[in-house]
Amino acid sequence: MAQARAAIVTGGGRGIGRAVGLALAEEGRSVAVADLLADGAHAVAAEIVTAGGRAVAVELDVTDQDSVRAGIDAAVSALGPLEILVNNAGWDELKPFTDTDEQFWERVLDVNFKGALRMIHALLPTMVAGGFGRIVSIGSDAGRVGSSLESVYSGAKGGLIAFTKTIARETARHGVTANTVCPGPTDTPMLAGIAAAGEDADRVIEAMTRAVPMRRLAKPEEIAAAVAFFASERAGFITGQTLSVSGGLTMA
């Protein structure tokens, strides 16, 4: 059984974030379920508590520094020092790059890249001072090999991968690790929403599925298993790594 450390999961109210929160709770972690959508955060926190775990819901917008600080303060007040951070909040729409504008770029970067920067910047000093920390950021195979109609998102996730490696180098001597988990296409509300924004959602999902050697989408629980491992004491000598959980979509 893992030690009863406290974790915070952004975008924790549904999809991969929900699965991560449940997986961490199963390992004995206290979990702050942080989400812009308060109802989802409360539902997941209640699910954890009903299963015998300890959790609190936190309304948090990763694009707003004041919201990040207030959310972290609320989580710390309820659970104690946060020693595990999972940067899961994300957003995108499928568009050719020439159909995007600067407002779209800012939104994608603010959620997918700068949101993680805000969370890490707020929590890292406490982790370093305490001599223990686990930072796990949800990247994407789009950030490793590119993805048609996801140019800005791919760039944001690629930046997150590189940034995480640098944080890993800077904090390696302080008991803090930083790693990235890159899901392939995963059966989540976010993916369904992205696909539905196009002209033919079923066709988009079918094309994604065909591209995966296993010929299926990932389950959120399969992504969460990798996150829970990186967040564990067992992974104490693993840092700066990027792991694709993609059914073989990316093998390099």
C-alpha atoms as a PDB file:
ATOM      1  CA  MET A   1       0.000   0.000   0.000  1.00  0.00           C
ATOM      2  CA  ALA A   2       1.320   3.431  -0.950  1.00  0.00           C
ATOM      3  CA  GLN A   3       1.793   6.091   1.682  1.00  0.00           C
ATOM      4  CA  ALA A   4      -1.187   8.339   2.373  1.00  0.00           C
ATOM      5  CA  ARG A   5       0.151  11.270   0.384  1.00  0.00           C
ATOM      6  CA  ALA A   6      -2.152  13.914  -1.072  1.00  0.00           C
ATOM      7  CA  ALA A   7      -2.576  14.383  -4.812  1.00  0.00           C
ATOM      8  CA  ILE A   8      -4.277  16.952  -7.000  1.00  0.00           C
ATOM      9  CA  VAL A   9      -5.619  16.056 -10.450  1.00  0.00           C
ATOM     10  CA  THR A  10      -6.595  18.857 -12.831  1.00  0.00           C
ATOM     11  CA  GLY A  11      -9.448  18.142 -15.200  1.00  0.00           C
ATOM     12  CA  GLY A  12     -10.378  15.473 -12.673  1.00  0.00           C
ATOM     13  CA  GLY A  13     -14.139  15.604 -13.146  1.00  0.00           C
ATOM     14  CA  ARG A  14     -14.411  13.218 -16.083  1.00  0.00           C
ATOM     15  CA  GLY A  15     -12.570  11.025 -18.582  1.00  0.00           C
ATOM     16  CA  ILE A  16      -8.906  10.335 -17.924  1.00  0.00           C
ATOM     17  CA  GLY A  17      -8.865  12.675 -14.927  1.00  0.00           C
ATOM     18  CA  ARG A  18     -11.659  10.756 -13.224  1.00  0.00           C
ATOM     19  CA  ALA A  19      -9.882   7.450 -13.858  1.00  0.00           C
ATOM     20  CA  VAL A  20      -6.623   8.874 -12.473  1.00  0.00           C
ATOM     21  CA  GLY A  21      -8.330  10.092  -9.312  1.00  0.00           C
ATOM     22  CA  LEU A  22      -9.903   6.696  -8.713  1.00  0.00           C
ATOM     23  CA  ALA A  23      -6.605   4.893  -9.380  1.00  0.00           C
ATOM     24  CA  LEU A  24      -4.686   7.109  -6.959  1.00  0.00           C
ATOM     25  CA  ALA A  25      -7.366   6.664  -4.295  1.00  0.00           C
ATOM     26  CA  GLU A  26      -7.155   2.892  -4.695  1.00  0.00           C
ATOM     27  CA  GLU A  27      -3.465   3.197  -3.806  1.00  0.00           C
ATOM     28  CA  GLY A  28      -4.295   5.034  -0.597  1.00  0.00           C
ATOM     29  CA  ARG A  29      -3.752   8.589  -1.781  1.00  0.00           C
ATOM     30  CA  SER A  30      -5.950  11.469  -0.712  1.00  0.00           C
ATOM     31  CA  VAL A  31      -7.205  13.174  -3.863  1.00  0.00           C
ATOM     32  CA  ALA A  32      -8.147  16.762  -4.654  1.00  0.00           C
ATOM     33  CA  VAL A  33     -10.368  16.491  -7.720  1.00  0.00           C
ATOM     34  CA  ALA A  34      -9.822  19.832  -9.465  1.00  0.00           C
ATOM     35  CA  ASP A  35     -11.977  20.890 -12.365  1.00  0.00           C
ATOM     36  CA  LEU A  36     -13.459  23.981 -13.964  1.00  0.00           C
ATOM     37  CA  LEU A  37     -16.775  22.094 -13.933  1.00  0.00           C
ATOM     38  CA  ALA A  38     -17.603  21.914 -10.228  1.00  0.00           C
ATOM     39  CA  ASP A  39     -20.394  19.354 -10.628  1.00  0.00           C
ATOM     40  CA  GLY A  40     -18.035  16.836 -12.194  1.00  0.00           C
ATOM     41  CA  ALA A  41     -15.409  17.396  -9.510  1.00  0.00           C
ATOM     42  CA  HIS A  42     -17.962  16.867  -6.741  1.00  0.00           C
ATOM     43  CA  ALA A  43     -19.288  13.696  -8.399  1.00  0.00           C
ATOM     44  CA  VAL A  44     -15.833  12.115  -8.663  1.00  0.00           C
ATOM     45  CA  ALA A  45     -14.871  13.144  -5.127  1.00  0.00           C
ATOM     46  CA  ALA A  46     -18.099  11.594  -3.842  1.00  0.00           C
ATOM     47  CA  GLU A  47     -17.342   8.425  -5.805  1.00  0.00           C
ATOM     48  CA  ILE A  48     -13.946   8.162  -4.121  1.00  0.00           C
ATOM     49  CA  VAL A  49     -15.379   8.776  -0.654  1.00  0.00           C
ATOM     50  CA  THR A  50     -18.139   6.216  -1.213  1.00  0.00           C
ATOM     51  CA  ALA A  51     -15.456   3.656  -2.078  1.00  0.00           C
ATOM     52  CA  GLY A  52     -13.723   4.345   1.242  1.00  0.00           C
ATOM     53  CA  GLY A  53     -11.149   6.892   0.081  1.00  0.00           C
ATOM     54  CA  ARG A  54     -10.467  10.473   1.050  1.00  0.00           C
ATOM     55  CA  ALA A  55     -11.173  13.215  -1.467  1.00  0.00           C
ATOM     56  CA  VAL A  56     -12.233  16.818  -1.861  1.00  0.00           C
ATOM     57  CA  ALA A  57     -13.679  18.630  -4.862  1.00  0.00           C
ATOM     58  CA  VAL A  58     -11.953  21.844  -5.923  1.00  0.00           C
ATOM     59  CA  GLU A  59     -13.255  24.272  -8.525  1.00  0.00           C
ATOM     60  CA  LEU A  60     -10.145  25.349 -10.426  1.00  0.00           C
ATOM     61  CA  ASP A  61      -9.455  27.058 -13.756  1.00  0.00           C
ATOM     62  CA  VAL A  62      -5.903  26.321 -14.903  1.00  0.00           C
ATOM     63  CA  THR A  63      -5.958  29.397 -17.159  1.00  0.00           C
ATOM     64  CA  ASP A  64      -6.392  31.747 -14.191  1.00  0.00           C
ATOM     65  CA  GLN A  65      -3.519  32.243 -11.749  1.00  0.00           C
ATOM     66  CA  ASP A  66      -5.792  33.418  -8.939  1.00  0.00           C
ATOM     67  CA  SER A  67      -8.051  30.392  -9.401  1.00  0.00           C
ATOM     68  CA  VAL A  68      -5.033  28.075  -9.340  1.00  0.00           C
ATOM     69  CA  ARG A  69      -3.782  29.589  -6.098  1.00  0.00           C
ATOM     70  CA  ALA A  70      -7.221  29.527  -4.448  1.00  0.00           C
ATOM     71  CA  GLY A  71      -7.852  25.946  -5.545  1.00  0.00           C
ATOM     72  CA  ILE A  72      -4.510  24.736  -4.251  1.00  0.00           C
ATOM     73  CA  ASP A  73      -5.047  26.553  -0.944  1.00  0.00           C
ATOM     74  CA  ALA A  74      -8.443  24.876  -0.552  1.00  0.00           C
ATOM     75  CA  ALA A  75      -6.969  21.454  -1.317  1.00  0.00           C
ATOM     76  CA  VAL A  76      -4.090  21.911   1.115  1.00  0.00           C
ATOM     77  CA  SER A  77      -6.500  23.089   3.819  1.00  0.00           C
ATOM     78  CA  ALA A  78      -8.559  19.916   3.393  1.00  0.00           C
ATOM     79  CA  LEU A  79      -5.867  17.314   2.707  1.00  0.00           C
ATOM     80  CA  GLY A  80      -2.498  18.704   3.789  1.00  0.00           C
ATOM     81  CA  PRO A  81       0.578  19.272   1.592  1.00  0.00           C
ATOM     82  CA  LEU A  82       0.126  18.222  -2.033  1.00  0.00           C
ATOM     83  CA  GLU A  83       2.989  15.903  -2.961  1.00  0.00           C
ATOM     84  CA  ILE A  84       1.530  14.529  -6.209  1.00  0.00           C
ATOM     85  CA  LEU A  85       0.421  16.662  -9.158  1.00  0.00           C
ATOM     86  CA  VAL A  86      -1.288  15.280 -12.248  1.00  0.00           C
ATOM     87  CA  ASN A  87      -1.633  17.871 -15.014  1.00  0.00           C
ATOM     88  CA  ASN A  88      -4.559  16.480 -16.951  1.00  0.00           C
ATOM     89  CA  ALA A  89      -6.708  19.478 -17.941  1.00  0.00           C
ATOM     90  CA  GLY A  90      -6.868  19.825 -21.711  1.00  0.00           C
ATOM     91  CA  TRP A  91      -8.821  21.328 -24.598  1.00  0.00           C
ATOM     92  CA  ASP A  92      -8.759  21.266 -28.402  1.00  0.00           C
ATOM     93  CA  GLU A  93     -10.799  21.447 -31.589  1.00  0.00           C
ATOM     94  CA  LEU A  94      -9.926  19.758 -34.889  1.00  0.00           C
ATOM     95  CA  LYS A  95      -9.029  22.434 -37.448  1.00  0.00           C
ATOM     96  CA  PRO A  96      -6.509  22.904 -40.261  1.00  0.00           C
ATOM     97  CA  PHE A  97      -3.865  25.349 -39.102  1.00  0.00           C
ATOM     98  CA  THR A  98      -4.881  27.897 -41.742  1.00  0.00           C
ATOM     99  CA  ASP A  99      -8.405  27.937 -40.282  1.00  0.00           C
ATOM    100  CA  THR A 100      -7.154  28.917 -36.815  1.00  0.00           C
ATOM    101  CA  ASP A 101      -6.497  32.388 -35.461  1.00  0.00           C
ATOM    102  CA  GLU A 102      -4.512  33.904 -32.622  1.00  0.00           C
ATOM    103  CA  GLN A 103      -7.438  33.700 -30.220  1.00  0.00           C
ATOM    104  CA  PHE A 104      -7.589  29.938 -30.833  1.00  0.00           C
ATOM    105  CA  TRP A 105      -3.820  29.607 -30.384  1.00  0.00           C
ATOM    106  CA  GLU A 106      -3.981  31.406 -27.050  1.00  0.00           C
ATOM    107  CA  ARG A 107      -6.802  29.189 -25.783  1.00  0.00           C
ATOM    108  CA  VAL A 108      -5.037  25.950 -26.719  1.00  0.00           C
ATOM    109  CA  LEU A 109      -1.712  27.064 -25.242  1.00  0.00           C
ATOM    110  CA  ASP A 110      -3.304  28.519 -22.119  1.00  0.00           C
ATOM    111  CA  VAL A 111      -5.080  25.289 -21.191  1.00  0.00           C
ATOM    112  CA  ASN A 112      -2.690  22.616 -22.432  1.00  0.00           C
ATOM    113  CA  PHE A 113       0.703  24.202 -21.755  1.00  0.00           C
ATOM    114  CA  LYS A 114       0.517  27.251 -19.528  1.00  0.00           C
ATOM    115  CA  GLY A 115      -2.033  25.554 -17.261  1.00  0.00           C
ATOM    116  CA  ALA A 116       0.574  22.962 -16.331  1.00  0.00           C
ATOM    117  CA  LEU A 117       3.182  25.685 -15.852  1.00  0.00           C
ATOM    118  CA  ARG A 118       0.897  27.488 -13.392  1.00  0.00           C
ATOM    119  CA  MET A 119       0.249  24.337 -11.384  1.00  0.00           C
ATOM    120  CA  ILE A 120       3.906  23.288 -11.253  1.00  0.00           C
ATOM    121  CA  HIS A 121       5.095  26.803 -10.410  1.00  0.00           C
ATOM    122  CA  ALA A 122       2.676  26.917  -7.466  1.00  0.00           C
ATOM    123  CA  LEU A 123       3.437  23.458  -6.056  1.00  0.00           C
ATOM    124  CA  LEU A 124       7.098  22.804  -6.852  1.00  0.00           C
ATOM    125  CA  PRO A 125       8.653  24.857  -4.019  1.00  0.00           C
ATOM    126  CA  THR A 126       6.743  22.858  -1.398  1.00  0.00           C
ATOM    127  CA  MET A 127       7.716  19.565  -3.032  1.00  0.00           C
ATOM    128  CA  VAL A 128      11.384  20.544  -3.103  1.00  0.00           C
ATOM    129  CA  ALA A 129      11.295  21.731   0.503  1.00  0.00           C
ATOM    130  CA  GLY A 130       9.643  18.489   1.584  1.00  0.00           C
ATOM    131  CA  GLY A 131      12.072  16.264  -0.315  1.00  0.00           C
ATOM    132  CA  PHE A 132       9.344  14.418  -2.204  1.00  0.00           C
ATOM    133  CA  GLY A 133       7.229  15.132  -5.249  1.00  0.00           C
ATOM    134  CA  ARG A 134       5.649  13.400  -8.201  1.00  0.00           C
ATOM    135  CA  ILE A 135       4.673  15.457 -11.228  1.00  0.00           C
ATOM    136  CA  VAL A 136       2.891  13.587 -13.993  1.00  0.00           C
ATOM    137  CA  SER A 137       1.716  15.557 -17.002  1.00  0.00           C
ATOM    138  CA  ILE A 138      -0.692  14.191 -19.565  1.00  0.00           C
ATOM    139  CA  GLY A 139       0.879  14.803 -22.951  1.00  0.00           C
ATOM    140  CA  SER A 140      -0.244  13.269 -26.217  1.00  0.00           C
ATOM    141  CA  ASP A 141       1.225  11.266 -29.032  1.00  0.00           C
ATOM    142  CA  ALA A 142       0.292  14.356 -31.071  1.00  0.00           C
ATOM    143  CA  GLY A 143       3.149  16.070 -29.247  1.00  0.00           C
ATOM    144  CA  ARG A 144       5.590  13.324 -30.229  1.00  0.00           C
ATOM    145  CA  VAL A 145       4.804  12.719 -33.904  1.00  0.00           C
ATOM    146  CA  GLY A 146       2.283  15.406 -34.886  1.00  0.00           C
ATOM    147  CA  SER A 147      -1.389  14.978 -35.686  1.00  0.00           C
ATOM    148  CA  SER A 148      -3.378  16.293 -38.630  1.00  0.00           C
ATOM    149  CA  LEU A 149      -5.904  19.002 -37.651  1.00  0.00           C
ATOM    150  CA  GLU A 150      -4.207  19.391 -34.273  1.00  0.00           C
ATOM    151  CA  SER A 151      -1.248  21.613 -35.137  1.00  0.00           C
ATOM    152  CA  VAL A 152      -1.408  23.994 -32.168  1.00  0.00           C
ATOM    153  CA  TYR A 153      -2.393  21.244 -29.746  1.00  0.00           C
ATOM    154  CA  SER A 154       0.534  19.150 -31.006  1.00  0.00           C
ATOM    155  CA  GLY A 155       2.862  22.080 -30.420  1.00  0.00           C
ATOM    156  CA  ALA A 156       1.501  22.641 -26.907  1.00  0.00           C
ATOM    157  CA  LYS A 157       1.912  18.995 -25.972  1.00  0.00           C
ATOM    158  CA  GLY A 158       5.384  18.842 -27.512  1.00  0.00           C
ATOM    159  CA  GLY A 159       6.313  21.874 -25.435  1.00  0.00           C
ATOM    160  CA  LEU A 160       4.909  20.200 -22.326  1.00  0.00           C
ATOM    161  CA  ILE A 161       7.069  17.126 -22.953  1.00  0.00           C
ATOM    162  CA  ALA A 162      10.238  19.225 -23.277  1.00  0.00           C
ATOM    163  CA  PHE A 163       9.336  21.398 -20.289  1.00  0.00           C
ATOM    164  CA  THR A 164       8.735  18.330 -18.121  1.00  0.00           C
ATOM    165  CA  LYS A 165      12.177  16.964 -18.978  1.00  0.00           C
ATOM    166  CA  THR A 166      13.772  20.227 -17.867  1.00  0.00           C
ATOM    167  CA  ILE A 167      11.844  20.271 -14.586  1.00  0.00           C
ATOM    168  CA  ALA A 168      13.011  16.692 -14.064  1.00  0.00           C
ATOM    169  CA  ARG A 169      16.640  17.809 -14.444  1.00  0.00           C
ATOM    170  CA  GLU A 170      16.231  20.797 -12.153  1.00  0.00           C
ATOM    171  CA  THR A 171      14.606  18.825  -9.326  1.00  0.00           C
ATOM    172  CA  ALA A 172      16.243  15.399  -9.557  1.00  0.00           C
ATOM    173  CA  ARG A 173      18.392  15.949  -6.461  1.00  0.00           C
ATOM    174  CA  HIS A 174      15.422  17.006  -4.362  1.00  0.00           C
ATOM    175  CA  GLY A 175      13.325  13.845  -4.419  1.00  0.00           C
ATOM    176  CA  VAL A 176      10.994  15.199  -7.091  1.00  0.00           C
ATOM    177  CA  THR A 177      10.322  13.357 -10.336  1.00  0.00           C
ATOM    178  CA  ALA A 178       8.579  14.674 -13.444  1.00  0.00           C
ATOM    179  CA  ASN A 179       7.301  12.428 -16.218  1.00  0.00           C
ATOM    180  CA  THR A 180       4.839  12.583 -19.096  1.00  0.00           C
ATOM    181  CA  VAL A 181       2.192  10.058 -20.097  1.00  0.00           C
ATOM    182  CA  CYS A 182       1.085  10.350 -23.730  1.00  0.00           C
ATOM    183  CA  PRO A 183      -2.278   8.747 -24.438  1.00  0.00           C
ATOM    184  CA  GLY A 184      -3.211   7.673 -27.895  1.00  0.00           C
ATOM    185  CA  PRO A 185      -6.870   8.073 -28.922  1.00  0.00           C
ATOM    186  CA  THR A 186      -8.870   7.439 -25.752  1.00  0.00           C
ATOM    187  CA  ASP A 187     -12.592   6.882 -25.249  1.00  0.00           C
ATOM    188  CA  THR A 188     -13.379  10.064 -23.308  1.00  0.00           C
ATOM    189  CA  PRO A 189     -15.966  12.867 -23.392  1.00  0.00           C
ATOM    190  CA  MET A 190     -13.233  15.210 -24.642  1.00  0.00           C
ATOM    191  CA  LEU A 191     -12.534  13.017 -27.668  1.00  0.00           C
ATOM    192  CA  ALA A 192     -16.253  12.674 -28.374  1.00  0.00           C
ATOM    193  CA  GLY A 193     -16.641  16.452 -28.176  1.00  0.00           C
ATOM    194  CA  ILE A 194     -13.696  17.102 -30.480  1.00  0.00           C
ATOM    195  CA  ALA A 195     -14.999  14.589 -33.021  1.00  0.00           C
ATOM    196  CA  ALA A 196     -18.549  15.944 -32.821  1.00  0.00           C
ATOM    197  CA  ALA A 197     -17.296  19.440 -33.658  1.00  0.00           C
ATOM    198  CA  GLY A 198     -16.408  18.184 -37.149  1.00  0.00           C
ATOM    199  CA  GLU A 199     -18.649  17.172 -40.007  1.00  0.00           C
ATOM    200  CA  ASP A 200     -18.735  13.421 -39.347  1.00  0.00           C
ATOM    201  CA  ALA A 201     -17.941  12.334 -35.801  1.00  0.00           C
ATOM    202  CA  ASP A 202     -18.314   8.605 -36.439  1.00  0.00           C
ATOM    203  CA  ARG A 203     -15.946   8.788 -39.393  1.00  0.00           C
ATOM    204  CA  VAL A 204     -13.331  10.652 -37.331  1.00  0.00           C
ATOM    205  CA  ILE A 205     -13.489   8.103 -34.509  1.00  0.00           C
ATOM    206  CA  GLU A 206     -13.326   5.230 -36.988  1.00  0.00           C
ATOM    207  CA  ALA A 207     -10.207   6.692 -38.629  1.00  0.00           C
ATOM    208  CA  MET A 208      -8.519   7.114 -35.242  1.00  0.00           C
ATOM    209  CA  THR A 209      -9.342   3.537 -34.308  1.00  0.00           C
ATOM    210  CA  ARG A 210      -7.960   2.147 -37.587  1.00  0.00           C
ATOM    211  CA  ALA A 211      -4.683   3.992 -37.008  1.00  0.00           C
ATOM    212  CA  VAL A 212      -4.078   2.110 -33.745  1.00  0.00           C
ATOM    213  CA  PRO A 213      -2.427  -1.302 -34.275  1.00  0.00           C
ATOM    214  CA  MET A 214      -4.679  -2.804 -31.579  1.00  0.00           C
ATOM    215  CA  ARG A 215      -7.677  -1.476 -33.541  1.00  0.00           C
ATOM    216  CA  ARG A 216      -9.424   0.076 -30.562  1.00  0.00           C
ATOM    217  CA  LEU A 217      -9.443   3.200 -28.458  1.00  0.00           C
ATOM    218  CA  ALA A 218      -7.762   3.236 -25.080  1.00  0.00           C
ATOM    219  CA  LYS A 219      -9.854   3.031 -21.930  1.00  0.00           C
ATOM    220  CA  PRO A 220      -9.278   5.869 -19.431  1.00  0.00           C
ATOM    221  CA  GLU A 221      -8.326   3.266 -16.818  1.00  0.00           C
ATOM    222  CA  GLU A 222      -5.416   2.135 -18.992  1.00  0.00           C
ATOM    223  CA  ILE A 223      -3.988   5.649 -19.037  1.00  0.00           C
ATOM    224  CA  ALA A 224      -4.586   5.991 -15.300  1.00  0.00           C
ATOM    225  CA  ALA A 225      -2.538   2.858 -14.572  1.00  0.00           C
ATOM    226  CA  ALA A 226       0.554   4.456 -16.112  1.00  0.00           C
ATOM    227  CA  VAL A 227      -0.043   7.703 -14.234  1.00  0.00           C
ATOM    228  CA  ALA A 228      -0.465   5.892 -10.911  1.00  0.00           C
ATOM    229  CA  PHE A 229       2.834   4.084 -11.463  1.00  0.00           C
ATOM    230  CA  PHE A 230       4.756   7.303 -12.180  1.00  0.00           C
ATOM    231  CA  ALA A 231       3.131   8.834  -9.081  1.00  0.00           C
ATOM    232  CA  SER A 232       4.223   5.965  -6.852  1.00  0.00           C
ATOM    233  CA  GLU A 233       7.222   5.461  -4.614  1.00  0.00           C
ATOM    234  CA  ARG A 234       8.125   2.522  -6.874  1.00  0.00           C
ATOM    235  CA  ALA A 235       8.998   4.970  -9.648  1.00  0.00           C
ATOM    236  CA  GLY A 236      11.467   6.960  -7.566  1.00  0.00           C
ATOM    237  CA  PHE A 237      14.383   6.399  -9.966  1.00  0.00           C
ATOM    238  CA  ILE A 238      12.382   7.257 -13.102  1.00  0.00           C
ATOM    239  CA  THR A 239      12.294  10.891 -14.169  1.00  0.00           C
ATOM    240  CA  GLY A 240      12.227  12.924 -17.365  1.00  0.00           C
ATOM    241  CA  GLN A 241      10.562  10.079 -19.253  1.00  0.00           C
ATOM    242  CA  THR A 242       7.784  10.099 -21.846  1.00  0.00           C
ATOM    243  CA  LEU A 243       5.572   7.013 -22.003  1.00  0.00           C
ATOM    244  CA  SER A 244       3.066   6.440 -24.792  1.00  0.00           C
ATOM    245  CA  VAL A 245      -0.017   4.461 -23.826  1.00  0.00           C
ATOM    246  CA  SER A 246      -1.354   4.162 -27.319  1.00  0.00           C
ATOM    247  CA  GLY A 247      -1.928   0.577 -28.391  1.00  0.00           C
ATOM    248  CA  GLY A 248       1.245   0.725 -30.489  1.00  0.00           C
ATOM    249  CA  LEU A 249       0.359   3.910 -32.359  1.00  0.00           C
ATOM    250  CA  THR A 250       3.761   5.341 -31.411  1.00  0.00           C
ATOM    251  CA  MET A 251       6.712   2.998 -30.981  1.00  0.00           C
ATOM    252  CA  ALA A 252       9.681   5.374 -30.958  1.00  0.00           C
END
